[in-house]
C-alpha cells in the first residue's frame, strides 16, 4: 500500500532540507517531484530518496552537480518530465470530464 505524505517544507525556514525530510520519512522518499529547478534543492531531494527512489524533474535552472554515487549507490532514478508526460489527446478530455463532475475546480 502506498503511503502518501503531503507535508510542506518551507526551505526559507529550514537549514537542512534532507534532515527535515528524513524526520518525516526516516527510510527516505519513494518519489519526489521538483518543479523549481534549483540545483541545491534537487540535490537535497535526491539525497532524501530511499533505495530505488525516483526524482521527477520538470526543469533545471543553472548548474546541477552530482556524483555517480548520488544516483547509483542506492539505485535511484532521475526522470525528466515534459508536461507530466501526458498524451494531450487523452489527458485533456479527462480533465474536462473531471471539471464537469466538479472534481477539477478552476478559479475565475
PDB file of N, CA and C in Angstrom:
ATOM      1  N   UNK A   1       0.833  -1.175   0.000  1.00  0.00           N
ATOM      2  CA  UNK A   1       0.000   0.000   0.000  1.00  0.00           C
ATOM      3  C   UNK A   1       0.880   1.241   0.000  1.00  0.00           C
ATOM      4  N   UNK A   2       0.542   2.179  -0.848  1.00  0.00           N
ATOM      5  CA  UNK A   2       1.301   3.412  -0.976  1.00  0.00           C
ATOM      6  C   UNK A   2       0.884   4.400   0.103  1.00  0.00           C
ATOM      7  N   UNK A   3       1.859   4.893   0.858  1.00  0.00           N
ATOM      8  CA  UNK A   3       1.579   5.905   1.863  1.00  0.00           C
ATOM      9  C   UNK A   3       1.974   7.251   1.277  1.00  0.00           C
ATOM     10  N   UNK A   4       1.049   8.162   1.243  1.00  0.00           N
ATOM     11  CA  UNK A   4       1.294   9.483   0.682  1.00  0.00           C
ATOM     12  C   UNK A   4       1.528  10.474   1.811  1.00  0.00           C
ATOM     13  N   UNK A   5       2.619  11.205   1.715  1.00  0.00           N
ATOM     14  CA  UNK A   5       2.923  12.247   2.678  1.00  0.00           C
ATOM     15  C   UNK A   5       2.754  13.585   1.981  1.00  0.00           C
ATOM     16  N   UNK A   6       2.008  14.462   2.590  1.00  0.00           N
ATOM     17  CA  UNK A   6       1.751  15.766   1.981  1.00  0.00           C
ATOM     18  C   UNK A   6       2.305  16.901   2.827  1.00  0.00           C
ATOM     19  N   UNK A   7       3.310  16.634   3.603  1.00  0.00           N
ATOM     20  CA  UNK A   7       3.920  17.672   4.419  1.00  0.00           C
ATOM     21  C   UNK A   7       4.550  18.728   3.516  1.00  0.00           C
ATOM     22  N   UNK A   8       4.533  19.965   3.977  1.00  0.00           N
ATOM     23  CA  UNK A   8       5.141  21.071   3.247  1.00  0.00           C
ATOM     24  C   UNK A   8       6.347  21.551   4.041  1.00  0.00           C
ATOM     25  N   UNK A   9       7.452  21.731   3.350  1.00  0.00           N
ATOM     26  CA  UNK A   9       8.668  22.221   3.990  1.00  0.00           C
ATOM     27  C   UNK A   9       9.020  23.546   3.355  1.00  0.00           C
ATOM     28  N   UNK A  10       9.036  24.596   4.166  1.00  0.00           N
ATOM     29  CA  UNK A  10       9.418  25.918   3.688  1.00  0.00           C
ATOM     30  C   UNK A  10      10.941  26.004   3.762  1.00  0.00           C
ATOM     31  N   UNK A  11      11.597  25.919   2.609  1.00  0.00           N
ATOM     32  CA  UNK A  11      13.054  25.877   2.587  1.00  0.00           C
ATOM     33  C   UNK A  11      13.693  27.175   3.071  1.00  0.00           C
ATOM     34  N   UNK A  12      12.917  28.249   3.118  1.00  0.00           N
ATOM     35  CA  UNK A  12      13.444  29.504   3.648  1.00  0.00           C
ATOM     36  C   UNK A  12      13.557  29.463   5.171  1.00  0.00           C
ATOM     37  N   UNK A  13      12.861  28.511   5.794  1.00  0.00           N
ATOM     38  CA  UNK A  13      12.849  28.431   7.256  1.00  0.00           C
ATOM     39  C   UNK A  13      13.548  27.179   7.790  1.00  0.00           C
ATOM     40  N   UNK A  14      14.138  26.393   6.900  1.00  0.00           N
ATOM     41  CA  UNK A  14      14.779  25.139   7.296  1.00  0.00           C
ATOM     42  C   UNK A  14      16.244  25.180   6.858  1.00  0.00           C
ATOM     43  N   UNK A  15      17.144  24.854   7.787  1.00  0.00           N
ATOM     44  CA  UNK A  15      18.567  24.860   7.457  1.00  0.00           C
ATOM     45  C   UNK A  15      18.987  23.639   6.647  1.00  0.00           C
ATOM     46  N   UNK A  16      18.395  22.486   6.934  1.00  0.00           N
ATOM     47  CA  UNK A  16      18.810  21.236   6.303  1.00  0.00           C
ATOM     48  C   UNK A  16      17.578  20.485   5.791  1.00  0.00           C
ATOM     49  N   UNK A  17      17.330  20.607   4.498  1.00  0.00           N
ATOM     50  CA  UNK A  17      16.138  20.004   3.893  1.00  0.00           C
ATOM     51  C   UNK A  17      16.176  18.486   4.018  1.00  0.00           C
ATOM     52  N   UNK A  18      17.306  17.881   3.730  1.00  0.00           N
ATOM     53  CA  UNK A  18      17.409  16.420   3.781  1.00  0.00           C
ATOM     54  C   UNK A  18      17.081  15.887   5.179  1.00  0.00           C
ATOM     55  N   UNK A  19      17.651  16.486   6.215  1.00  0.00           N
ATOM     56  CA  UNK A  19      17.380  16.041   7.585  1.00  0.00           C
ATOM     57  C   UNK A  19      15.908  16.229   7.938  1.00  0.00           C
ATOM     58  N   UNK A  20      15.323  17.332   7.505  1.00  0.00           N
ATOM     59  CA  UNK A  20      13.911  17.589   7.765  1.00  0.00           C
ATOM     60  C   UNK A  20      13.036  16.530   7.108  1.00  0.00           C
ATOM     61  N   UNK A  21      13.340  16.187   5.876  1.00  0.00           N
ATOM     62  CA  UNK A  21      12.579  15.148   5.169  1.00  0.00           C
ATOM     63  C   UNK A  21      12.749  13.804   5.870  1.00  0.00           C
ATOM     64  N   UNK A  22      13.967  13.484   6.272  1.00  0.00           N
ATOM     65  CA  UNK A  22      14.227  12.198   6.931  1.00  0.00           C
ATOM     66  C   UNK A  22      13.540  12.093   8.298  1.00  0.00           C
ATOM     67  N   UNK A  23      13.259  13.226   8.938  1.00  0.00           N
ATOM     68  CA  UNK A  23      12.481  13.192  10.179  1.00  0.00           C
ATOM     69  C   UNK A  23      11.037  12.789   9.901  1.00  0.00           C
ATOM     70  N   UNK A  24      10.528  13.181   8.737  1.00  0.00           N
ATOM     71  CA  UNK A  24       9.155  12.858   8.363  1.00  0.00           C
ATOM     72  C   UNK A  24       9.069  11.440   7.796  1.00  0.00           C
ATOM     73  N   UNK A  25      10.041  11.078   6.958  1.00  0.00           N
ATOM     74  CA  UNK A  25      10.068   9.755   6.303  1.00  0.00           C
ATOM     75  C   UNK A  25      11.465   9.166   6.528  1.00  0.00           C
ATOM     76  N   UNK A  26      11.681   8.488   7.657  1.00  0.00           N
ATOM     77  CA  UNK A  26      13.022   8.002   8.006  1.00  0.00           C
ATOM     78  C   UNK A  26      13.688   7.109   6.959  1.00  0.00           C
ATOM     79  N   UNK A  27      12.929   6.290   6.271  1.00  0.00           N
ATOM     80  CA  UNK A  27      13.511   5.393   5.265  1.00  0.00           C
ATOM     81  C   UNK A  27      13.788   6.106   3.951  1.00  0.00           C
ATOM     82  N   UNK A  28      13.378   7.337   3.847  1.00  0.00           N
ATOM     83  CA  UNK A  28      13.571   8.094   2.615  1.00  0.00           C
ATOM     84  C   UNK A  28      12.337   8.050   1.732  1.00  0.00           C
ATOM     85  N   UNK A  29      12.277   8.984   0.835  1.00  0.00           N
ATOM     86  CA  UNK A  29      11.133   9.108  -0.070  1.00  0.00           C
ATOM     87  C   UNK A  29      11.174   8.055  -1.171  1.00  0.00           C
ATOM     88  N   UNK A  30      10.004   7.558  -1.545  1.00  0.00           N
ATOM     89  CA  UNK A  30       9.914   6.687  -2.718  1.00  0.00           C
ATOM     90  C   UNK A  30       9.907   7.528  -3.989  1.00  0.00           C
ATOM     91  N   UNK A  31       9.223   8.680  -3.923  1.00  0.00           N
ATOM     92  CA  UNK A  31       9.088   9.577  -5.064  1.00  0.00           C
ATOM     93  C   UNK A  31       9.196  11.014  -4.593  1.00  0.00           C
ATOM     94  N   UNK A  32       9.784  11.851  -5.433  1.00  0.00           N
ATOM     95  CA  UNK A  32       9.804  13.287  -5.189  1.00  0.00           C
ATOM     96  C   UNK A  32       9.654  13.983  -6.533  1.00  0.00           C
ATOM     97  N   UNK A  33       8.974  15.126  -6.521  1.00  0.00           N
ATOM     98  CA  UNK A  33       8.788  15.915  -7.735  1.00  0.00           C
ATOM     99  C   UNK A  33       9.316  17.311  -7.463  1.00  0.00           C
ATOM    100  N   UNK A  34      10.183  17.792  -8.341  1.00  0.00           N
ATOM    101  CA  UNK A  34      10.707  19.148  -8.213  1.00  0.00           C
ATOM    102  C   UNK A  34      10.250  19.963  -9.414  1.00  0.00           C
ATOM    103  N   UNK A  35       9.609  21.092  -9.135  1.00  0.00           N
ATOM    104  CA  UNK A  35       9.162  21.972 -10.211  1.00  0.00           C
ATOM    105  C   UNK A  35       9.910  23.299 -10.204  1.00  0.00           C
ATOM    106  N   UNK A  36      10.872  23.444  -9.304  1.00  0.00           N
ATOM    107  CA  UNK A  36      11.617  24.698  -9.167  1.00  0.00           C
ATOM    108  C   UNK A  36      12.853  24.704 -10.066  1.00  0.00           C
ATOM    109  N   UNK A  37      13.591  23.607 -10.073  1.00  0.00           N
ATOM    110  CA  UNK A  37      14.787  23.516 -10.904  1.00  0.00           C
ATOM    111  C   UNK A  37      16.042  24.072 -10.262  1.00  0.00           C
ATOM    112  N   UNK A  38      16.011  24.340  -8.971  1.00  0.00           N
ATOM    113  CA  UNK A  38      17.158  24.884  -8.250  1.00  0.00           C
ATOM    114  C   UNK A  38      18.095  23.744  -7.862  1.00  0.00           C
ATOM    115  N   UNK A  39      19.321  23.775  -8.377  1.00  0.00           N
ATOM    116  CA  UNK A  39      20.279  22.691  -8.219  1.00  0.00           C
ATOM    117  C   UNK A  39      20.464  22.168  -6.802  1.00  0.00           C
ATOM    118  N   UNK A  40      20.743  23.045  -5.815  1.00  0.00           N
ATOM    119  CA  UNK A  40      20.939  22.548  -4.454  1.00  0.00           C
ATOM    120  C   UNK A  40      19.699  21.838  -3.888  1.00  0.00           C
ATOM    121  N   UNK A  41      18.508  22.311  -4.225  1.00  0.00           N
ATOM    122  CA  UNK A  41      17.297  21.641  -3.751  1.00  0.00           C
ATOM    123  C   UNK A  41      17.126  20.290  -4.430  1.00  0.00           C
ATOM    124  N   UNK A  42      17.444  20.220  -5.714  1.00  0.00           N
ATOM    125  CA  UNK A  42      17.385  18.935  -6.428  1.00  0.00           C
ATOM    126  C   UNK A  42      18.321  17.927  -5.753  1.00  0.00           C
ATOM    127  N   UNK A  43      19.512  18.375  -5.402  1.00  0.00           N
ATOM    128  CA  UNK A  43      20.476  17.503  -4.724  1.00  0.00           C
ATOM    129  C   UNK A  43      19.930  17.044  -3.375  1.00  0.00           C
ATOM    130  N   UNK A  44      19.324  17.963  -2.614  1.00  0.00           N
ATOM    131  CA  UNK A  44      18.723  17.588  -1.328  1.00  0.00           C
ATOM    132  C   UNK A  44      17.627  16.546  -1.522  1.00  0.00           C
ATOM    133  N   UNK A  45      16.781  16.744  -2.519  1.00  0.00           N
ATOM    134  CA  UNK A  45      15.714  15.773  -2.774  1.00  0.00           C
ATOM    135  C   UNK A  45      16.286  14.421  -3.173  1.00  0.00           C
ATOM    136  N   UNK A  46      17.305  14.436  -4.019  1.00  0.00           N
ATOM    137  CA  UNK A  46      17.933  13.185  -4.430  1.00  0.00           C
ATOM    138  C   UNK A  46      18.500  12.438  -3.227  1.00  0.00           C
ATOM    139  N   UNK A  47      19.156  13.164  -2.335  1.00  0.00           N
ATOM    140  CA  UNK A  47      19.718  12.539  -1.130  1.00  0.00           C
ATOM    141  C   UNK A  47      18.631  12.080  -0.166  1.00  0.00           C
ATOM    142  N   UNK A  48      17.438  12.654  -0.279  1.00  0.00           N
ATOM    143  CA  UNK A  48      16.319  12.285   0.592  1.00  0.00           C
ATOM    144  C   UNK A  48      15.558  11.064   0.106  1.00  0.00           C
ATOM    145  N   UNK A  49      15.876  10.593  -1.090  1.00  0.00           N
ATOM    146  CA  UNK A  49      15.213   9.404  -1.612  1.00  0.00           C
ATOM    147  C   UNK A  49      15.703   8.162  -0.889  1.00  0.00           C
ATOM    148  N   UNK A  50      14.809   7.203  -0.739  1.00  0.00           N
ATOM    149  CA  UNK A  50      15.207   5.903  -0.223  1.00  0.00           C
ATOM    150  C   UNK A  50      15.765   5.055  -1.360  1.00  0.00           C
ATOM    151  N   UNK A  51      16.109   3.836  -1.062  1.00  0.00           N
ATOM    152  CA  UNK A  51      16.599   2.906  -2.081  1.00  0.00           C
ATOM    153  C   UNK A  51      15.542   2.749  -3.171  1.00  0.00           C
ATOM    154  N   UNK A  52      15.970   2.778  -4.411  1.00  0.00           N
ATOM    155  CA  UNK A  52      15.092   2.684  -5.595  1.00  0.00           C
ATOM    156  C   UNK A  52      14.155   3.883  -5.737  1.00  0.00           C
ATOM    157  N   UNK A  53      14.419   4.976  -5.040  1.00  0.00           N
ATOM    158  CA  UNK A  53      13.572   6.157  -5.136  1.00  0.00           C
ATOM    159  C   UNK A  53      13.689   6.835  -6.484  1.00  0.00           C
ATOM    160  N   UNK A  54      12.647   7.582  -6.830  1.00  0.00           N
ATOM    161  CA  UNK A  54      12.585   8.262  -8.117  1.00  0.00           C
ATOM    162  C   UNK A  54      12.367   9.755  -7.902  1.00  0.00           C
ATOM    163  N   UNK A  55      13.177  10.553  -8.571  1.00  0.00           N
ATOM    164  CA  UNK A  55      13.055  12.004  -8.523  1.00  0.00           C
ATOM    165  C   UNK A  55      12.646  12.489  -9.899  1.00  0.00           C
ATOM    166  N   UNK A  56      11.498  13.147  -9.963  1.00  0.00           N
ATOM    167  CA  UNK A  56      10.981  13.674 -11.224  1.00  0.00           C
ATOM    168  C   UNK A  56      11.285  15.163 -11.297  1.00  0.00           C
ATOM    169  N   UNK A  57      11.901  15.580 -12.410  1.00  0.00           N
ATOM    170  CA  UNK A  57      12.276  16.979 -12.594  1.00  0.00           C
ATOM    171  C   UNK A  57      11.484  17.590 -13.736  1.00  0.00           C
ATOM    172  N   UNK A  58      10.900  18.741 -13.469  1.00  0.00           N
ATOM    173  CA  UNK A  58      10.166  19.460 -14.506  1.00  0.00           C
ATOM    174  C   UNK A  58      11.101  20.429 -15.212  1.00  0.00           C
ATOM    175  N   UNK A  59      12.179  20.805 -14.582  1.00  0.00           N
ATOM    176  CA  UNK A  59      13.153  21.685 -15.213  1.00  0.00           C
ATOM    177  C   UNK A  59      14.393  21.803 -14.359  1.00  0.00           C
ATOM    178  N   UNK A  60      15.443  22.346 -14.948  1.00  0.00           N
ATOM    179  CA  UNK A  60      16.679  22.602 -14.217  1.00  0.00           C
ATOM    180  C   UNK A  60      17.139  24.008 -14.592  1.00  0.00           C
ATOM    181  N   UNK A  61      17.313  24.858 -13.598  1.00  0.00           N
ATOM    182  CA  UNK A  61      17.774  26.225 -13.820  1.00  0.00           C
ATOM    183  C   UNK A  61      19.176  26.347 -13.233  1.00  0.00           C
ATOM    184  N   UNK A  62      20.146  26.447 -14.080  1.00  0.00           N
ATOM    185  CA  UNK A  62      21.511  26.591 -13.589  1.00  0.00           C
ATOM    186  C   UNK A  62      22.236  25.260 -13.521  1.00  0.00           C
ATOM    187  N   UNK A  63      23.321  25.271 -12.789  1.00  0.00           N
ATOM    188  CA  UNK A  63      24.209  24.119 -12.708  1.00  0.00           C
ATOM    189  C   UNK A  63      23.676  23.063 -11.735  1.00  0.00           C
ATOM    190  N   UNK A  64      23.787  21.814 -12.137  1.00  0.00           N
ATOM    191  CA  UNK A  64      23.426  20.694 -11.270  1.00  0.00           C
ATOM    192  C   UNK A  64      24.654  19.798 -11.186  1.00  0.00           C
ATOM    193  N   UNK A  65      25.241  19.725 -10.006  1.00  0.00           N
ATOM    194  CA  UNK A  65      26.484  18.992  -9.811  1.00  0.00           C
ATOM    195  C   UNK A  65      26.216  17.738  -8.986  1.00  0.00           C
ATOM    196  N   UNK A  66      26.263  16.574  -9.648  1.00  0.00           N
ATOM    197  CA  UNK A  66      26.014  15.297  -8.981  1.00  0.00           C
ATOM    198  C   UNK A  66      27.189  14.364  -9.212  1.00  0.00           C
ATOM    199  N   UNK A  67      27.364  13.432  -8.285  1.00  0.00           N
ATOM    200  CA  UNK A  67      28.339  12.372  -8.488  1.00  0.00           C
ATOM    201  C   UNK A  67      27.588  11.097  -8.853  1.00  0.00           C
ATOM    202  N   UNK A  68      28.284  10.146  -9.408  1.00  0.00           N
ATOM    203  CA  UNK A  68      27.654   8.875  -9.758  1.00  0.00           C
ATOM    204  C   UNK A  68      27.045   8.189  -8.550  1.00  0.00           C
ATOM    205  N   UNK A  69      27.704   8.312  -7.401  1.00  0.00           N
ATOM    206  CA  UNK A  69      27.195   7.649  -6.205  1.00  0.00           C
ATOM    207  C   UNK A  69      25.918   8.298  -5.686  1.00  0.00           C
ATOM    208  N   UNK A  70      25.665   9.555  -6.058  1.00  0.00           N
ATOM    209  CA  UNK A  70      24.398  10.187  -5.687  1.00  0.00           C
ATOM    210  C   UNK A  70      23.232   9.393  -6.260  1.00  0.00           C
ATOM    211  N   UNK A  71      23.471   8.754  -7.394  1.00  0.00           N
ATOM    212  CA  UNK A  71      22.398   8.054  -8.100  1.00  0.00           C
ATOM    213  C   UNK A  71      22.537   6.537  -7.977  1.00  0.00           C
ATOM    214  N   UNK A  72      23.670   5.994  -8.403  1.00  0.00           N
ATOM    215  CA  UNK A  72      23.780   4.539  -8.495  1.00  0.00           C
ATOM    216  C   UNK A  72      24.008   3.849  -7.165  1.00  0.00           C
ATOM    217  N   UNK A  73      24.414   4.594  -6.149  1.00  0.00           N
ATOM    218  CA  UNK A  73      24.682   3.994  -4.840  1.00  0.00           C
ATOM    219  C   UNK A  73      23.485   3.272  -4.253  1.00  0.00           C
ATOM    220  N   UNK A  74      22.297   3.759  -4.508  1.00  0.00           N
ATOM    221  CA  UNK A  74      21.085   3.139  -3.966  1.00  0.00           C
ATOM    222  C   UNK A  74      20.039   2.919  -5.058  1.00  0.00           C
ATOM    223  N   UNK A  75      20.497   2.793  -6.309  1.00  0.00           N
ATOM    224  CA  UNK A  75      19.609   2.541  -7.455  1.00  0.00           C
ATOM    225  C   UNK A  75      18.534   3.607  -7.614  1.00  0.00           C
ATOM    226  N   UNK A  76      18.915   4.847  -7.397  1.00  0.00           N
ATOM    227  CA  UNK A  76      17.967   5.948  -7.536  1.00  0.00           C
ATOM    228  C   UNK A  76      17.820   6.322  -9.010  1.00  0.00           C
ATOM    229  N   UNK A  77      16.711   6.975  -9.325  1.00  0.00           N
ATOM    230  CA  UNK A  77      16.468   7.398 -10.699  1.00  0.00           C
ATOM    231  C   UNK A  77      16.098   8.877 -10.727  1.00  0.00           C
ATOM    232  N   UNK A  78      16.612   9.578 -11.728  1.00  0.00           N
ATOM    233  CA  UNK A  78      16.207  10.957 -12.003  1.00  0.00           C
ATOM    234  C   UNK A  78      15.496  10.912 -13.346  1.00  0.00           C
ATOM    235  N   UNK A  79      14.259  11.409 -13.361  1.00  0.00           N
ATOM    236  CA  UNK A  79      13.420  11.313 -14.555  1.00  0.00           C
ATOM    237  C   UNK A  79      12.957  12.714 -14.930  1.00  0.00           C
ATOM    238  N   UNK A  80      13.205  13.106 -16.162  1.00  0.00           N
ATOM    239  CA  UNK A  80      12.754  14.406 -16.645  1.00  0.00           C
ATOM    240  C   UNK A  80      11.338  14.307 -17.182  1.00  0.00           C
ATOM    241  N   UNK A  81      10.548  15.337 -16.916  1.00  0.00           N
ATOM    242  CA  UNK A  81       9.147  15.362 -17.366  1.00  0.00           C
ATOM    243  C   UNK A  81       8.889  16.585 -18.230  1.00  0.00           C
ATOM    244  N   UNK A  82       8.142  16.394 -19.265  1.00  0.00           N
ATOM    245  CA  UNK A  82       7.638  17.494 -20.077  1.00  0.00           C
ATOM    246  C   UNK A  82       6.126  17.374 -20.066  1.00  0.00           C
ATOM    247  N   UNK A  83       5.467  18.389 -19.514  1.00  0.00           N
ATOM    248  CA  UNK A  83       4.012  18.387 -19.395  1.00  0.00           C
ATOM    249  C   UNK A  83       3.507  17.124 -18.708  1.00  0.00           C
ATOM    250  N   UNK A  84       4.264  16.632 -17.745  1.00  0.00           N
ATOM    251  CA  UNK A  84       3.847  15.453 -16.997  1.00  0.00           C
ATOM    252  C   UNK A  84       3.845  14.189 -17.827  1.00  0.00           C
ATOM    253  N   UNK A  85       4.484  14.202 -18.985  1.00  0.00           N
ATOM    254  CA  UNK A  85       4.497  13.065 -19.911  1.00  0.00           C
ATOM    255  C   UNK A  85       3.085  12.658 -20.310  1.00  0.00           C
ATOM    256  N   UNK A  86       2.173  13.613 -20.298  1.00  0.00           N
ATOM    257  CA  UNK A  86       0.783  13.328 -20.662  1.00  0.00           C
ATOM    258  C   UNK A  86       0.634  13.257 -22.178  1.00  0.00           C
ATOM    259  N   UNK A  87      -0.328  12.474 -22.607  1.00  0.00           N
ATOM    260  CA  UNK A  87      -0.717  12.429 -24.017  1.00  0.00           C
ATOM    261  C   UNK A  87      -1.920  13.367 -24.139  1.00  0.00           C
ATOM    262  N   UNK A  88      -1.743  14.538 -24.753  1.00  0.00           N
ATOM    263  CA  UNK A  88      -2.805  15.546 -24.754  1.00  0.00           C
ATOM    264  C   UNK A  88      -4.158  15.029 -25.238  1.00  0.00           C
ATOM    265  N   UNK A  89      -4.164  14.159 -26.232  1.00  0.00           N
ATOM    266  CA  UNK A  89      -5.426  13.638 -26.776  1.00  0.00           C
ATOM    267  C   UNK A  89      -6.200  12.824 -25.736  1.00  0.00           C
ATOM    268  N   UNK A  90      -5.510  12.273 -24.757  1.00  0.00           N
ATOM    269  CA  UNK A  90      -6.160  11.513 -23.695  1.00  0.00           C
ATOM    270  C   UNK A  90      -6.351  12.354 -22.434  1.00  0.00           C
ATOM    271  N   UNK A  91      -5.336  13.167 -22.131  1.00  0.00           N
ATOM    272  CA  UNK A  91      -5.329  13.897 -20.870  1.00  0.00           C
ATOM    273  C   UNK A  91      -6.333  15.048 -20.836  1.00  0.00           C
ATOM    274  N   UNK A  92      -6.404  15.830 -21.897  1.00  0.00           N
ATOM    275  CA  UNK A  92      -7.312  16.981 -21.909  1.00  0.00           C
ATOM    276  C   UNK A  92      -8.771  16.554 -21.794  1.00  0.00           C
ATOM    277  N   UNK A  93      -9.244  15.547 -22.554  1.00  0.00           N
ATOM    278  CA  UNK A  93     -10.628  15.093 -22.333  1.00  0.00           C
ATOM    279  C   UNK A  93     -10.883  14.603 -20.910  1.00  0.00           C
ATOM    280  N   UNK A  94      -9.866  13.996 -20.288  1.00  0.00           N
ATOM    281  CA  UNK A  94     -10.016  13.536 -18.905  1.00  0.00           C
ATOM    282  C   UNK A  94     -10.176  14.727 -17.956  1.00  0.00           C
ATOM    283  N   UNK A  95      -9.392  15.785 -18.182  1.00  0.00           N
ATOM    284  CA  UNK A  95      -9.532  16.989 -17.364  1.00  0.00           C
ATOM    285  C   UNK A  95     -10.914  17.607 -17.527  1.00  0.00           C
ATOM    286  N   UNK A  96     -11.426  17.637 -18.741  1.00  0.00           N
ATOM    287  CA  UNK A  96     -12.766  18.180 -18.993  1.00  0.00           C
ATOM    288  C   UNK A  96     -13.816  17.349 -18.262  1.00  0.00           C
ATOM    289  N   UNK A  97     -13.660  16.022 -18.300  1.00  0.00           N
ATOM    290  CA  UNK A  97     -14.585  15.126 -17.599  1.00  0.00           C
ATOM    291  C   UNK A  97     -14.570  15.407 -16.093  1.00  0.00           C
ATOM    292  N   UNK A  98     -13.369  15.561 -15.515  1.00  0.00           N
ATOM    293  CA  UNK A  98     -13.258  15.879 -14.094  1.00  0.00           C
ATOM    294  C   UNK A  98     -13.911  17.219 -13.786  1.00  0.00           C
ATOM    295  N   UNK A  99     -13.676  18.214 -14.651  1.00  0.00           N
ATOM    296  CA  UNK A  99     -14.271  19.535 -14.442  1.00  0.00           C
ATOM    297  C   UNK A  99     -15.792  19.451 -14.434  1.00  0.00           C
ATOM    298  N   UNK A 100     -16.365  18.716 -15.387  1.00  0.00           N
ATOM    299  CA  UNK A 100     -17.820  18.588 -15.472  1.00  0.00           C
ATOM    300  C   UNK A 100     -18.398  17.889 -14.247  1.00  0.00           C
ATOM    301  N   UNK A 101     -17.633  17.003 -13.619  1.00  0.00           N
ATOM    302  CA  UNK A 101     -18.080  16.311 -12.403  1.00  0.00           C
ATOM    303  C   UNK A 101     -17.790  17.120 -11.142  1.00  0.00           C
ATOM    304  N   UNK A 102     -17.173  18.291 -11.300  1.00  0.00           N
ATOM    305  CA  UNK A 102     -16.849  19.131 -10.144  1.00  0.00           C
ATOM    306  C   UNK A 102     -15.592  18.694  -9.408  1.00  0.00           C
ATOM    307  N   UNK A 103     -14.786  17.845 -10.029  1.00  0.00           N
ATOM    308  CA  UNK A 103     -13.582  17.328  -9.378  1.00  0.00           C
ATOM    309  C   UNK A 103     -12.315  18.086  -9.784  1.00  0.00           C
ATOM    310  N   UNK A 104     -12.465  19.094 -10.631  1.00  0.00           N
ATOM    311  CA  UNK A 104     -11.308  19.858 -11.105  1.00  0.00           C
ATOM    312  C   UNK A 104     -11.692  21.337 -11.082  1.00  0.00           C
ATOM    313  N   UNK A 105     -11.671  21.933  -9.880  1.00  0.00           N
ATOM    314  CA  UNK A 105     -12.130  23.318  -9.752  1.00  0.00           C
ATOM    315  C   UNK A 105     -11.160  24.307 -10.400  1.00  0.00           C
ATOM    316  N   UNK A 106     -11.723  25.280 -11.038  1.00  0.00           N
ATOM    317  CA  UNK A 106     -10.941  26.366 -11.624  1.00  0.00           C
ATOM    318  C   UNK A 106     -11.325  27.659 -10.928  1.00  0.00           C
ATOM    319  N   UNK A 107     -10.351  28.536 -10.734  1.00  0.00           N
ATOM    320  CA  UNK A 107     -10.620  29.816 -10.090  1.00  0.00           C
ATOM    321  C   UNK A 107     -10.785  30.866 -11.179  1.00  0.00           C
ATOM    322  N   UNK A 108     -11.867  31.607 -11.103  1.00  0.00           N
ATOM    323  CA  UNK A 108     -12.113  32.682 -12.074  1.00  0.00           C
ATOM    324  C   UNK A 108     -11.377  33.924 -11.695  1.00  0.00           C
TER     325      UNK A 108
END
